[in-house]
Amino acid sequence: MLKTIDAILIAAMITGAAWTFKVKYEAEAIEAQVAALDRKAQLERETIALLDADWSLLNQPDRLQRLADAYKSDLGLEPIQPQQIVEAEELPLPPVQAAPEPAASSPKLADSSKTKVR
C-alpha cells in the first residue's frame, strides 16, 4: 500500500514539475514577444519624432518663401487676392446633363402575360 501511495505521489510531483516548466517556458516566450513589441514601439516613436523634426524643418516659412520665389515663373504662382476667397455657396453649380432618350431601335421586352410557366 505504501509503495502505491509513493508511486502516485512521485507521479504527481513529476507531473507538477513538468507542468511548471511548461508554464515557465510559455511565460518566457510571451515575455520575449512583449519585449520585441516594446522595442518595435520605441523604434516607431523615434521614427515619428525624427519625421516631426523633418516636417518642421521643411515647413519653415523662410524656406517656403525661397522656394516659391525660385519656382514662381515655372509654376505660375501669384499671391492670393481677397476676392478669390469665397464660400461654398458662392461657387457655380456644375452643369446638369439631361438623361439620354431611349433609342428607337432598342429591342422590346417580351410580354410576360403571354408566357406560360410550367
PDB file of N, CA and C in Angstrom:
ATOM      1  N   MET A   1       0.819  -1.177   0.000  1.00  0.00           N
ATOM      2  CA  MET A   1       0.000   0.000   0.000  1.00  0.00           C
ATOM      3  C   MET A   1       0.866   1.245   0.000  1.00  0.00           C
ATOM      4  N   LEU A   2       1.943   1.205   0.805  1.00  0.00           N
ATOM      5  CA  LEU A   2       2.841   2.349   0.913  1.00  0.00           C
ATOM      6  C   LEU A   2       3.549   2.603  -0.415  1.00  0.00           C
ATOM      7  N   LYS A   3       3.912   1.545  -1.132  1.00  0.00           N
ATOM      8  CA  LYS A   3       4.575   1.698  -2.424  1.00  0.00           C
ATOM      9  C   LYS A   3       3.626   2.316  -3.443  1.00  0.00           C
ATOM     10  N   THR A   4       2.354   2.013  -3.384  1.00  0.00           N
ATOM     11  CA  THR A   4       1.366   2.562  -4.309  1.00  0.00           C
ATOM     12  C   THR A   4       1.215   4.066  -4.073  1.00  0.00           C
ATOM     13  N   ILE A   5       1.110   4.467  -2.809  1.00  0.00           N
ATOM     14  CA  ILE A   5       0.991   5.893  -2.481  1.00  0.00           C
ATOM     15  C   ILE A   5       2.267   6.622  -2.887  1.00  0.00           C
ATOM     16  N   ASP A   6       3.410   6.017  -2.626  1.00  0.00           N
ATOM     17  CA  ASP A   6       4.679   6.629  -3.031  1.00  0.00           C
ATOM     18  C   ASP A   6       4.735   6.808  -4.550  1.00  0.00           C
ATOM     19  N   ALA A   7       4.314   5.802  -5.290  1.00  0.00           N
ATOM     20  CA  ALA A   7       4.335   5.874  -6.755  1.00  0.00           C
ATOM     21  C   ALA A   7       3.389   6.974  -7.249  1.00  0.00           C
ATOM     22  N   ILE A   8       2.214   7.065  -6.634  1.00  0.00           N
ATOM     23  CA  ILE A   8       1.244   8.101  -7.025  1.00  0.00           C
ATOM     24  C   ILE A   8       1.804   9.486  -6.724  1.00  0.00           C
ATOM     25  N   LEU A   9       2.410   9.656  -5.539  1.00  0.00           N
ATOM     26  CA  LEU A   9       2.978  10.955  -5.176  1.00  0.00           C
ATOM     27  C   LEU A   9       4.154  11.333  -6.078  1.00  0.00           C
ATOM     28  N   ILE A  10       4.986  10.358  -6.424  1.00  0.00           N
ATOM     29  CA  ILE A  10       6.104  10.625  -7.327  1.00  0.00           C
ATOM     30  C   ILE A  10       5.580  11.028  -8.706  1.00  0.00           C
ATOM     31  N   ALA A  11       4.557  10.329  -9.187  1.00  0.00           N
ATOM     32  CA  ALA A  11       3.957  10.669 -10.482  1.00  0.00           C
ATOM     33  C   ALA A  11       3.350  12.073 -10.436  1.00  0.00           C
ATOM     34  N   ALA A  12       2.691  12.421  -9.319  1.00  0.00           N
ATOM     35  CA  ALA A  12       2.103  13.753  -9.184  1.00  0.00           C
ATOM     36  C   ALA A  12       3.186  14.820  -9.154  1.00  0.00           C
ATOM     37  N   MET A  13       4.301  14.554  -8.473  1.00  0.00           N
ATOM     38  CA  MET A  13       5.408  15.515  -8.420  1.00  0.00           C
ATOM     39  C   MET A  13       6.028  15.702  -9.800  1.00  0.00           C
ATOM     40  N   ILE A  14       6.208  14.623 -10.532  1.00  0.00           N
ATOM     41  CA  ILE A  14       6.782  14.716 -11.880  1.00  0.00           C
ATOM     42  C   ILE A  14       5.834  15.485 -12.797  1.00  0.00           C
ATOM     43  N   THR A  15       4.530  15.191 -12.696  1.00  0.00           N
ATOM     44  CA  THR A  15       3.535  15.903 -13.500  1.00  0.00           C
ATOM     45  C   THR A  15       3.528  17.390 -13.145  1.00  0.00           C
ATOM     46  N   GLY A  16       3.575  17.694 -11.867  1.00  0.00           N
ATOM     47  CA  GLY A  16       3.607  19.093 -11.420  1.00  0.00           C
ATOM     48  C   GLY A  16       4.852  19.810 -11.890  1.00  0.00           C
ATOM     49  N   ALA A  17       5.992  19.136 -11.823  1.00  0.00           N
ATOM     50  CA  ALA A  17       7.239  19.737 -12.287  1.00  0.00           C
ATOM     51  C   ALA A  17       7.195  19.981 -13.796  1.00  0.00           C
ATOM     52  N   ALA A  18       6.682  19.009 -14.545  1.00  0.00           N
ATOM     53  CA  ALA A  18       6.580  19.172 -16.000  1.00  0.00           C
ATOM     54  C   ALA A  18       5.641  20.330 -16.340  1.00  0.00           C
ATOM     55  N   TRP A  19       4.506  20.399 -15.651  1.00  0.00           N
ATOM     56  CA  TRP A  19       3.559  21.487 -15.895  1.00  0.00           C
ATOM     57  C   TRP A  19       4.187  22.842 -15.540  1.00  0.00           C
ATOM     58  N   THR A  20       4.944  22.896 -14.438  1.00  0.00           N
ATOM     59  CA  THR A  20       5.611  24.131 -14.028  1.00  0.00           C
ATOM     60  C   THR A  20       6.622  24.579 -15.079  1.00  0.00           C
ATOM     61  N   PHE A  21       7.427  23.660 -15.586  1.00  0.00           N
ATOM     62  CA  PHE A  21       8.392  24.014 -16.625  1.00  0.00           C
ATOM     63  C   PHE A  21       7.691  24.480 -17.903  1.00  0.00           C
ATOM     64  N   LYS A  22       6.580  23.807 -18.258  1.00  0.00           N
ATOM     65  CA  LYS A  22       5.826  24.200 -19.446  1.00  0.00           C
ATOM     66  C   LYS A  22       5.306  25.623 -19.294  1.00  0.00           C
ATOM     67  N   VAL A  23       4.715  25.932 -18.156  1.00  0.00           N
ATOM     68  CA  VAL A  23       4.189  27.274 -17.914  1.00  0.00           C
ATOM     69  C   VAL A  23       5.317  28.296 -17.913  1.00  0.00           C
ATOM     70  N   LYS A  24       6.460  27.926 -17.329  1.00  0.00           N
ATOM     71  CA  LYS A  24       7.613  28.828 -17.275  1.00  0.00           C
ATOM     72  C   LYS A  24       8.083  29.171 -18.680  1.00  0.00           C
ATOM     73  N   TYR A  25       8.239  28.173 -19.552  1.00  0.00           N
ATOM     74  CA  TYR A  25       8.718  28.433 -20.908  1.00  0.00           C
ATOM     75  C   TYR A  25       7.696  29.209 -21.733  1.00  0.00           C
ATOM     76  N   GLU A  26       6.406  28.946 -21.537  1.00  0.00           N
ATOM     77  CA  GLU A  26       5.375  29.735 -22.215  1.00  0.00           C
ATOM     78  C   GLU A  26       5.437  31.191 -21.770  1.00  0.00           C
ATOM     79  N   ALA A  27       5.613  31.414 -20.465  1.00  0.00           N
ATOM     80  CA  ALA A  27       5.717  32.780 -19.941  1.00  0.00           C
ATOM     81  C   ALA A  27       6.957  33.481 -20.494  1.00  0.00           C
ATOM     82  N   GLU A  28       8.073  32.764 -20.604  1.00  0.00           N
ATOM     83  CA  GLU A  28       9.279  33.365 -21.171  1.00  0.00           C
ATOM     84  C   GLU A  28       9.087  33.712 -22.635  1.00  0.00           C
ATOM     85  N   ALA A  29       8.367  32.859 -23.374  1.00  0.00           N
ATOM     86  CA  ALA A  29       8.103  33.146 -24.787  1.00  0.00           C
ATOM     87  C   ALA A  29       7.221  34.386 -24.928  1.00  0.00           C
ATOM     88  N   ILE A  30       6.203  34.484 -24.084  1.00  0.00           N
ATOM     89  CA  ILE A  30       5.326  35.660 -24.119  1.00  0.00           C
ATOM     90  C   ILE A  30       6.101  36.906 -23.716  1.00  0.00           C
ATOM     91  N   GLU A  31       6.972  36.762 -22.719  1.00  0.00           N
ATOM     92  CA  GLU A  31       7.794  37.900 -22.289  1.00  0.00           C
ATOM     93  C   GLU A  31       8.720  38.353 -23.426  1.00  0.00           C
ATOM     94  N   ALA A  32       9.258  37.431 -24.192  1.00  0.00           N
ATOM     95  CA  ALA A  32      10.111  37.786 -25.328  1.00  0.00           C
ATOM     96  C   ALA A  32       9.297  38.514 -26.398  1.00  0.00           C
ATOM     97  N   GLN A  33       8.058  38.068 -26.624  1.00  0.00           N
ATOM     98  CA  GLN A  33       7.193  38.753 -27.592  1.00  0.00           C
ATOM     99  C   GLN A  33       6.883  40.170 -27.133  1.00  0.00           C
ATOM    100  N   VAL A  34       6.594  40.338 -25.851  1.00  0.00           N
ATOM    101  CA  VAL A  34       6.303  41.671 -25.307  1.00  0.00           C
ATOM    102  C   VAL A  34       7.526  42.574 -25.436  1.00  0.00           C
ATOM    103  N   ALA A  35       8.711  42.037 -25.164  1.00  0.00           N
ATOM    104  CA  ALA A  35       9.945  42.823 -25.285  1.00  0.00           C
ATOM    105  C   ALA A  35      10.169  43.234 -26.743  1.00  0.00           C
ATOM    106  N   ALA A  36       9.909  42.326 -27.675  1.00  0.00           N
ATOM    107  CA  ALA A  36      10.071  42.654 -29.096  1.00  0.00           C
ATOM    108  C   ALA A  36       9.090  43.747 -29.506  1.00  0.00           C
ATOM    109  N   LEU A  37       7.850  43.657 -29.027  1.00  0.00           N
ATOM    110  CA  LEU A  37       6.861  44.691 -29.342  1.00  0.00           C
ATOM    111  C   LEU A  37       7.245  46.029 -28.714  1.00  0.00           C
ATOM    112  N   ASP A  38       7.804  45.997 -27.508  1.00  0.00           N
ATOM    113  CA  ASP A  38       8.265  47.232 -26.872  1.00  0.00           C
ATOM    114  C   ASP A  38       9.383  47.872 -27.682  1.00  0.00           C
ATOM    115  N   ARG A  39      10.320  47.044 -28.163  1.00  0.00           N
ATOM    116  CA  ARG A  39      11.406  47.589 -28.985  1.00  0.00           C
ATOM    117  C   ARG A  39      10.859  48.185 -30.280  1.00  0.00           C
ATOM    118  N   LYS A  40       9.903  47.506 -30.879  1.00  0.00           N
ATOM    119  CA  LYS A  40       9.306  47.994 -32.118  1.00  0.00           C
ATOM    120  C   LYS A  40       8.556  49.303 -31.874  1.00  0.00           C
ATOM    121  N   ALA A  41       7.814  49.381 -30.772  1.00  0.00           N
ATOM    122  CA  ALA A  41       7.091  50.606 -30.446  1.00  0.00           C
ATOM    123  C   ALA A  41       8.047  51.764 -30.183  1.00  0.00           C
ATOM    124  N   GLN A  42       9.151  51.491 -29.509  1.00  0.00           N
ATOM    125  CA  GLN A  42      10.154  52.530 -29.254  1.00  0.00           C
ATOM    126  C   GLN A  42      10.767  53.015 -30.566  1.00  0.00           C
ATOM    127  N   LEU A  43      11.052  52.091 -31.477  1.00  0.00           N
ATOM    128  CA  LEU A  43      11.579  52.468 -32.780  1.00  0.00           C
ATOM    129  C   LEU A  43      10.579  53.335 -33.540  1.00  0.00           C
ATOM    130  N   GLU A  44       9.299  52.971 -33.470  1.00  0.00           N
ATOM    131  CA  GLU A  44       8.260  53.768 -34.127  1.00  0.00           C
ATOM    132  C   GLU A  44       8.179  55.171 -33.523  1.00  0.00           C
ATOM    133  N   ARG A  45       8.274  55.276 -32.188  1.00  0.00           N
ATOM    134  CA  ARG A  45       8.244  56.594 -31.542  1.00  0.00           C
ATOM    135  C   ARG A  45       9.435  57.446 -31.975  1.00  0.00           C
ATOM    136  N   GLU A  46      10.612  56.823 -32.068  1.00  0.00           N
ATOM    137  CA  GLU A  46      11.796  57.554 -32.519  1.00  0.00           C
ATOM    138  C   GLU A  46      11.651  57.996 -33.967  1.00  0.00           C
ATOM    139  N   THR A  47      11.084  57.128 -34.805  1.00  0.00           N
ATOM    140  CA  THR A  47      10.870  57.472 -36.211  1.00  0.00           C
ATOM    141  C   THR A  47       9.891  58.627 -36.330  1.00  0.00           C
ATOM    142  N   ILE A  48       8.824  58.596 -35.550  1.00  0.00           N
ATOM    143  CA  ILE A  48       7.840  59.678 -35.581  1.00  0.00           C
ATOM    144  C   ILE A  48       8.476  60.987 -35.135  1.00  0.00           C
ATOM    145  N   ALA A  49       9.296  60.944 -34.100  1.00  0.00           N
ATOM    146  CA  ALA A  49       9.971  62.160 -33.634  1.00  0.00           C
ATOM    147  C   ALA A  49      10.897  62.700 -34.723  1.00  0.00           C
ATOM    148  N   LEU A  50      11.617  61.822 -35.409  1.00  0.00           N
ATOM    149  CA  LEU A  50      12.503  62.255 -36.484  1.00  0.00           C
ATOM    150  C   LEU A  50      11.706  62.859 -37.640  1.00  0.00           C
ATOM    151  N   LEU A  51      10.602  62.232 -37.998  1.00  0.00           N
ATOM    152  CA  LEU A  51       9.769  62.755 -39.083  1.00  0.00           C
ATOM    153  C   LEU A  51       9.137  64.090 -38.698  1.00  0.00           C
ATOM    154  N   ASP A  52       8.745  64.251 -37.435  1.00  0.00           N
ATOM    155  CA  ASP A  52       8.230  65.538 -36.975  1.00  0.00           C
ATOM    156  C   ASP A  52       9.281  66.629 -37.099  1.00  0.00           C
ATOM    157  N   ALA A  53      10.522  66.294 -36.754  1.00  0.00           N
ATOM    158  CA  ALA A  53      11.612  67.269 -36.878  1.00  0.00           C
ATOM    159  C   ALA A  53      11.838  67.627 -38.346  1.00  0.00           C
ATOM    160  N   ASP A  54      11.827  66.628 -39.227  1.00  0.00           N
ATOM    161  CA  ASP A  54      11.980  66.905 -40.660  1.00  0.00           C
ATOM    162  C   ASP A  54      10.841  67.767 -41.180  1.00  0.00           C
ATOM    163  N   TRP A  55       9.628  67.468 -40.754  1.00  0.00           N
ATOM    164  CA  TRP A  55       8.457  68.237 -41.188  1.00  0.00           C
ATOM    165  C   TRP A  55       8.583  69.691 -40.742  1.00  0.00           C
ATOM    166  N   SER A  56       9.033  69.909 -39.517  1.00  0.00           N
ATOM    167  CA  SER A  56       9.213  71.274 -39.020  1.00  0.00           C
ATOM    168  C   SER A  56      10.276  72.006 -39.838  1.00  0.00           C
ATOM    169  N   LEU A  57      11.343  71.314 -40.175  1.00  0.00           N
ATOM    170  CA  LEU A  57      12.403  71.918 -40.971  1.00  0.00           C
ATOM    171  C   LEU A  57      11.901  72.262 -42.372  1.00  0.00           C
ATOM    172  N   LEU A  58      11.156  71.356 -42.986  1.00  0.00           N
ATOM    173  CA  LEU A  58      10.677  71.584 -44.351  1.00  0.00           C
ATOM    174  C   LEU A  58       9.589  72.659 -44.416  1.00  0.00           C
ATOM    175  N   ASN A  59       8.879  72.902 -43.339  1.00  0.00           N
ATOM    176  CA  ASN A  59       7.787  73.877 -43.341  1.00  0.00           C
ATOM    177  C   ASN A  59       8.176  75.228 -42.776  1.00  0.00           C
ATOM    178  N   GLN A  60       9.460  75.516 -42.686  1.00  0.00           N
ATOM    179  CA  GLN A  60       9.866  76.829 -42.206  1.00  0.00           C
ATOM    180  C   GLN A  60       9.444  77.881 -43.232  1.00  0.00           C
ATOM    181  N   PRO A  61       8.798  78.963 -42.774  1.00  0.00           N
ATOM    182  CA  PRO A  61       8.294  79.977 -43.708  1.00  0.00           C
ATOM    183  C   PRO A  61       9.384  80.572 -44.604  1.00  0.00           C
ATOM    184  N   ASP A  62      10.579  80.817 -44.082  1.00  0.00           N
ATOM    185  CA  ASP A  62      11.652  81.387 -44.913  1.00  0.00           C
ATOM    186  C   ASP A  62      12.024  80.438 -46.048  1.00  0.00           C
ATOM    187  N   ARG A  63      12.117  79.162 -45.741  1.00  0.00           N
ATOM    188  CA  ARG A  63      12.449  78.171 -46.764  1.00  0.00           C
ATOM    189  C   ARG A  63      11.358  78.099 -47.820  1.00  0.00           C
ATOM    190  N   LEU A  64      10.102  78.075 -47.389  1.00  0.00           N
ATOM    191  CA  LEU A  64       8.992  78.009 -48.337  1.00  0.00           C
ATOM    192  C   LEU A  64       8.944  79.256 -49.218  1.00  0.00           C
ATOM    193  N   GLN A  65       9.256  80.422 -48.651  1.00  0.00           N
ATOM    194  CA  GLN A  65       9.254  81.653 -49.440  1.00  0.00           C
ATOM    195  C   GLN A  65      10.367  81.625 -50.489  1.00  0.00           C
ATOM    196  N   ARG A  66      11.537  81.114 -50.104  1.00  0.00           N
ATOM    197  CA  ARG A  66      12.636  80.995 -51.078  1.00  0.00           C
ATOM    198  C   ARG A  66      12.242  80.053 -52.217  1.00  0.00           C
ATOM    199  N   LEU A  67      11.609  78.938 -51.887  1.00  0.00           N
ATOM    200  CA  LEU A  67      11.176  78.001 -52.932  1.00  0.00           C
ATOM    201  C   LEU A  67      10.105  78.615 -53.823  1.00  0.00           C
ATOM    202  N   ALA A  68       9.178  79.350 -53.221  1.00  0.00           N
ATOM    203  CA  ALA A  68       8.117  79.983 -54.005  1.00  0.00           C
ATOM    204  C   ALA A  68       8.713  81.022 -54.947  1.00  0.00           C
ATOM    205  N   ASP A  69       9.699  81.786 -54.472  1.00  0.00           N
ATOM    206  CA  ASP A  69      10.345  82.776 -55.329  1.00  0.00           C
ATOM    207  C   ASP A  69      11.139  82.108 -56.449  1.00  0.00           C
ATOM    208  N   ALA A  70      11.821  81.000 -56.121  1.00  0.00           N
ATOM    209  CA  ALA A  70      12.649  80.324 -57.111  1.00  0.00           C
ATOM    210  C   ALA A  70      11.808  79.693 -58.220  1.00  0.00           C
ATOM    211  N   TYR A  71      10.645  79.174 -57.892  1.00  0.00           N
ATOM    212  CA  TYR A  71       9.828  78.472 -58.882  1.00  0.00           C
ATOM    213  C   TYR A  71       8.588  79.260 -59.299  1.00  0.00           C
ATOM    214  N   LYS A  72       8.577  80.546 -59.032  1.00  0.00           N
ATOM    215  CA  LYS A  72       7.407  81.372 -59.343  1.00  0.00           C
ATOM    216  C   LYS A  72       7.103  81.353 -60.834  1.00  0.00           C
ATOM    217  N   SER A  73       8.118  81.511 -61.655  1.00  0.00           N
ATOM    218  CA  SER A  73       7.879  81.557 -63.099  1.00  0.00           C
ATOM    219  C   SER A  73       7.495  80.176 -63.647  1.00  0.00           C
ATOM    220  N   ASP A  74       8.094  79.111 -63.118  1.00  0.00           N
ATOM    221  CA  ASP A  74       7.779  77.763 -63.614  1.00  0.00           C
ATOM    222  C   ASP A  74       6.359  77.336 -63.239  1.00  0.00           C
ATOM    223  N   LEU A  75       5.929  77.681 -62.048  1.00  0.00           N
ATOM    224  CA  LEU A  75       4.639  77.224 -61.563  1.00  0.00           C
ATOM    225  C   LEU A  75       3.525  78.241 -61.744  1.00  0.00           C
ATOM    226  N   GLY A  76       3.878  79.455 -62.097  1.00  0.00           N
ATOM    227  CA  GLY A  76       2.868  80.497 -62.259  1.00  0.00           C
ATOM    228  C   GLY A  76       2.228  80.877 -60.938  1.00  0.00           C
ATOM    229  N   LEU A  77       3.016  80.941 -59.888  1.00  0.00           N
ATOM    230  CA  LEU A  77       2.481  81.247 -58.562  1.00  0.00           C
ATOM    231  C   LEU A  77       2.263  82.746 -58.423  1.00  0.00           C
ATOM    232  N   GLU A  78       1.126  83.119 -57.919  1.00  0.00           N
ATOM    233  CA  GLU A  78       0.793  84.515 -57.648  1.00  0.00           C
ATOM    234  C   GLU A  78       0.167  84.582 -56.257  1.00  0.00           C
ATOM    235  N   PRO A  79       0.336  85.715 -55.577  1.00  0.00           N
ATOM    236  CA  PRO A  79      -0.321  85.850 -54.262  1.00  0.00           C
ATOM    237  C   PRO A  79      -1.839  85.783 -54.397  1.00  0.00           C
ATOM    238  N   ILE A  80      -2.489  85.274 -53.397  1.00  0.00           N
ATOM    239  CA  ILE A  80      -3.946  85.172 -53.391  1.00  0.00           C
ATOM    240  C   ILE A  80      -4.541  86.548 -53.135  1.00  0.00           C
ATOM    241  N   GLN A  81      -5.538  86.896 -53.931  1.00  0.00           N
ATOM    242  CA  GLN A  81      -6.258  88.160 -53.759  1.00  0.00           C
ATOM    243  C   GLN A  81      -7.472  87.908 -52.871  1.00  0.00           C
ATOM    244  N   PRO A  82      -7.893  88.887 -52.091  1.00  0.00           N
ATOM    245  CA  PRO A  82      -9.040  88.684 -51.194  1.00  0.00           C
ATOM    246  C   PRO A  82     -10.317  88.273 -51.922  1.00  0.00           C
ATOM    247  N   GLN A  83     -10.521  88.738 -53.134  1.00  0.00           N
ATOM    248  CA  GLN A  83     -11.751  88.391 -53.856  1.00  0.00           C
ATOM    249  C   GLN A  83     -11.743  86.936 -54.352  1.00  0.00           C
ATOM    250  N   GLN A  84     -10.596  86.252 -54.267  1.00  0.00           N
ATOM    251  CA  GLN A  84     -10.530  84.852 -54.672  1.00  0.00           C
ATOM    252  C   GLN A  84     -11.081  83.918 -53.602  1.00  0.00           C
ATOM    253  N   ILE A  85     -11.220  84.399 -52.385  1.00  0.00           N
ATOM    254  CA  ILE A  85     -11.706  83.565 -51.295  1.00  0.00           C
ATOM    255  C   ILE A  85     -13.220  83.685 -51.248  1.00  0.00           C
ATOM    256  N   VAL A  86     -13.918  82.586 -51.432  1.00  0.00           N
ATOM    257  CA  VAL A  86     -15.384  82.577 -51.463  1.00  0.00           C
ATOM    258  C   VAL A  86     -15.902  81.460 -50.576  1.00  0.00           C
ATOM    259  N   GLU A  87     -17.164  81.535 -50.257  1.00  0.00           N
ATOM    260  CA  GLU A  87     -17.849  80.477 -49.518  1.00  0.00           C
ATOM    261  C   GLU A  87     -18.313  79.407 -50.503  1.00  0.00           C
ATOM    262  N   ALA A  88     -18.629  78.239 -50.001  1.00  0.00           N
ATOM    263  CA  ALA A  88     -19.059  77.133 -50.859  1.00  0.00           C
ATOM    264  C   ALA A  88     -20.347  77.466 -51.603  1.00  0.00           C
ATOM    265  N   GLU A  89     -21.216  78.248 -50.983  1.00  0.00           N
ATOM    266  CA  GLU A  89     -22.490  78.603 -51.628  1.00  0.00           C
ATOM    267  C   GLU A  89     -22.278  79.525 -52.826  1.00  0.00           C
ATOM    268  N   GLU A  90     -21.161  80.234 -52.874  1.00  0.00           N
ATOM    269  CA  GLU A  90     -20.896  81.176 -53.949  1.00  0.00           C
ATOM    270  C   GLU A  90     -20.322  80.505 -55.195  1.00  0.00           C
ATOM    271  N   LEU A  91     -19.912  79.257 -55.105  1.00  0.00           N
ATOM    272  CA  LEU A  91     -19.350  78.546 -56.248  1.00  0.00           C
ATOM    273  C   LEU A  91     -20.447  78.199 -57.239  1.00  0.00           C
ATOM    274  N   PRO A  92     -20.155  78.243 -58.528  1.00  0.00           N
ATOM    275  CA  PRO A  92     -21.174  77.892 -59.517  1.00  0.00           C
ATOM    276  C   PRO A  92     -21.462  76.392 -59.473  1.00  0.00           C
ATOM    277  N   LEU A  93     -22.710  76.050 -59.773  1.00  0.00           N
ATOM    278  CA  LEU A  93     -23.096  74.645 -59.803  1.00  0.00           C
ATOM    279  C   LEU A  93     -22.562  73.992 -61.068  1.00  0.00           C
ATOM    280  N   PRO A  94     -22.215  72.719 -61.016  1.00  0.00           N
ATOM    281  CA  PRO A  94     -21.756  72.049 -62.235  1.00  0.00           C
ATOM    282  C   PRO A  94     -22.915  71.900 -63.213  1.00  0.00           C
ATOM    283  N   PRO A  95     -22.636  71.866 -64.508  1.00  0.00           N
ATOM    284  CA  PRO A  95     -23.721  71.729 -65.488  1.00  0.00           C
ATOM    285  C   PRO A  95     -24.417  70.381 -65.345  1.00  0.00           C
ATOM    286  N   VAL A  96     -25.724  70.396 -65.517  1.00  0.00           N
ATOM    287  CA  VAL A  96     -26.534  69.180 -65.406  1.00  0.00           C
ATOM    288  C   VAL A  96     -26.769  68.638 -66.803  1.00  0.00           C
ATOM    289  N   GLN A  97     -26.452  67.380 -67.023  1.00  0.00           N
ATOM    290  CA  GLN A  97     -26.680  66.763 -68.326  1.00  0.00           C
ATOM    291  C   GLN A  97     -28.031  66.067 -68.320  1.00  0.00           C
ATOM    292  N   ALA A  98     -28.768  66.275 -69.378  1.00  0.00           N
ATOM    293  CA  ALA A  98     -30.067  65.628 -69.495  1.00  0.00           C
ATOM    294  C   ALA A  98     -29.867  64.142 -69.745  1.00  0.00           C
ATOM    295  N   ALA A  99     -30.796  63.346 -69.251  1.00  0.00           N
ATOM    296  CA  ALA A  99     -30.722  61.902 -69.458  1.00  0.00           C
ATOM    297  C   ALA A  99     -30.958  61.599 -70.921  1.00  0.00           C
ATOM    298  N   PRO A 100     -30.186  60.713 -71.530  1.00  0.00           N
ATOM    299  CA  PRO A 100     -30.393  60.388 -72.948  1.00  0.00           C
ATOM    300  C   PRO A 100     -31.716  59.664 -73.136  1.00  0.00           C
ATOM    301  N   GLU A 101     -32.363  59.983 -74.233  1.00  0.00           N
ATOM    302  CA  GLU A 101     -33.646  59.340 -74.527  1.00  0.00           C
ATOM    303  C   GLU A 101     -33.376  57.941 -75.067  1.00  0.00           C
ATOM    304  N   PRO A 102     -34.271  56.990 -74.758  1.00  0.00           N
ATOM    305  CA  PRO A 102     -34.043  55.620 -75.242  1.00  0.00           C
ATOM    306  C   PRO A 102     -34.076  55.587 -76.769  1.00  0.00           C
ATOM    307  N   ALA A 103     -33.223  54.787 -77.345  1.00  0.00           N
ATOM    308  CA  ALA A 103     -33.137  54.669 -78.797  1.00  0.00           C
ATOM    309  C   ALA A 103     -34.360  53.923 -79.324  1.00  0.00           C
ATOM    310  N   ALA A 104     -34.815  54.313 -80.499  1.00  0.00           N
ATOM    311  CA  ALA A 104     -35.994  53.688 -81.113  1.00  0.00           C
ATOM    312  C   ALA A 104     -35.701  52.263 -81.548  1.00  0.00           C
ATOM    313  N   SER A 105     -34.457  51.961 -81.793  1.00  0.00           N
ATOM    314  CA  SER A 105     -34.113  50.622 -82.280  1.00  0.00           C
ATOM    315  C   SER A 105     -33.805  49.640 -81.154  1.00  0.00           C
ATOM    316  N   SER A 106     -34.051  50.038 -79.903  1.00  0.00           N
ATOM    317  CA  SER A 106     -33.750  49.118 -78.801  1.00  0.00           C
ATOM    318  C   SER A 106     -34.748  47.972 -78.810  1.00  0.00           C
ATOM    319  N   PRO A 107     -34.311  46.769 -78.493  1.00  0.00           N
ATOM    320  CA  PRO A 107     -35.213  45.606 -78.537  1.00  0.00           C
ATOM    321  C   PRO A 107     -36.286  45.716 -77.459  1.00  0.00           C
ATOM    322  N   LYS A 108     -37.490  45.316 -77.830  1.00  0.00           N
ATOM    323  CA  LYS A 108     -38.628  45.336 -76.909  1.00  0.00           C
ATOM    324  C   LYS A 108     -38.577  44.079 -76.043  1.00  0.00           C
ATOM    325  N   LEU A 109     -39.031  44.242 -74.811  1.00  0.00           N
ATOM    326  CA  LEU A 109     -39.103  43.096 -73.921  1.00  0.00           C
ATOM    327  C   LEU A 109     -40.343  42.272 -74.237  1.00  0.00           C
ATOM    328  N   ALA A 110     -40.290  40.996 -74.035  1.00  0.00           N
ATOM    329  CA  ALA A 110     -41.410  40.115 -74.306  1.00  0.00           C
ATOM    330  C   ALA A 110     -42.510  40.390 -73.309  1.00  0.00           C
ATOM    331  N   ASP A 111     -43.752  40.236 -73.739  1.00  0.00           N
ATOM    332  CA  ASP A 111     -44.893  40.443 -72.885  1.00  0.00           C
ATOM    333  C   ASP A 111     -44.990  39.260 -71.923  1.00  0.00           C
ATOM    334  N   SER A 112     -44.895  39.525 -70.642  1.00  0.00           N
ATOM    335  CA  SER A 112     -44.872  38.453 -69.664  1.00  0.00           C
ATOM    336  C   SER A 112     -46.263  37.864 -69.436  1.00  0.00           C
ATOM    337  N   SER A 113     -47.319  38.524 -69.860  1.00  0.00           N
ATOM    338  CA  SER A 113     -48.667  37.991 -69.640  1.00  0.00           C
ATOM    339  C   SER A 113     -48.939  36.788 -70.541  1.00  0.00           C
ATOM    340  N   LYS A 114     -48.229  36.669 -71.643  1.00  0.00           N
ATOM    341  CA  LYS A 114     -48.447  35.572 -72.586  1.00  0.00           C
ATOM    342  C   LYS A 114     -47.515  34.390 -72.306  1.00  0.00           C
ATOM    343  N   THR A 115     -46.597  34.558 -71.374  1.00  0.00           N
ATOM    344  CA  THR A 115     -45.631  33.498 -71.069  1.00  0.00           C
ATOM    345  C   THR A 115     -46.254  32.518 -70.096  1.00  0.00           C
ATOM    346  N   LYS A 116     -46.113  31.229 -70.384  1.00  0.00           N
ATOM    347  CA  LYS A 116     -46.646  30.203 -69.513  1.00  0.00           C
ATOM    348  C   LYS A 116     -45.502  29.592 -68.725  1.00  0.00           C
ATOM    349  N   VAL A 117     -45.771  29.397 -67.431  1.00  0.00           N
ATOM    350  CA  VAL A 117     -44.767  28.778 -66.576  1.00  0.00           C
ATOM    351  C   VAL A 117     -45.219  27.364 -66.305  1.00  0.00           C
ATOM    352  N   ARG A 118     -44.361  26.413 -66.472  1.00  0.00           N
ATOM    353  CA  ARG A 118     -44.718  25.017 -66.255  1.00  0.00           C
ATOM    354  C   ARG A 118     -44.316  24.575 -64.909  1.00  0.00           C
TER     355      ARG A 118
END
